[in-house]
Amino acid sequence: MMAASPRSARILALGGLLASVAGAPAIAGPPEDHRVRGWTIATQLCSQCHVIGRAAQPGEFVGPAFVRVAEMPSTTGPALAVFLQSHHERMPSLRLDRDEMEAVIDYILSLKTGKTAPAGDNQAD
């Protein structure tokens, strides 16, 4: 068996490092970044049935607007966590990991009156 060249050894080591971190969950950055991530996830998974931003959007939506959800007195982080992990007849069952769920919750809570929503929130999709 031939010994690996220094270049080959570096490539193998880099490949091993990349493989070891590829499946690792992303570490959330500042709160604003986490809310932006929540907006991104909501845009991808929820925007067919819900208005997810502050701006009005054309079309018919079967689910409540996220702003309306945020303004409900019963809307808290723990309440949203229970809701997102429960089955609902008119809503697909979501399989969000913990960080994704917390990001969506942070985004929804940022829509409460007086809070600053992340940049990009007013964009229509």
Foldseek 3Di string as FASTA:
>chain_A
DDDDDPVRVVVVVVVVVCVVCVPPDDDQDPLLSLLVLLLVVCVVFPVVAELEFPADADDHHPDYHLLVLLQDPPQDLVVQVVVLCDDDPVGDNDDDPPSNSSSNSSQSNQSHPPHDHHPPRNDYD
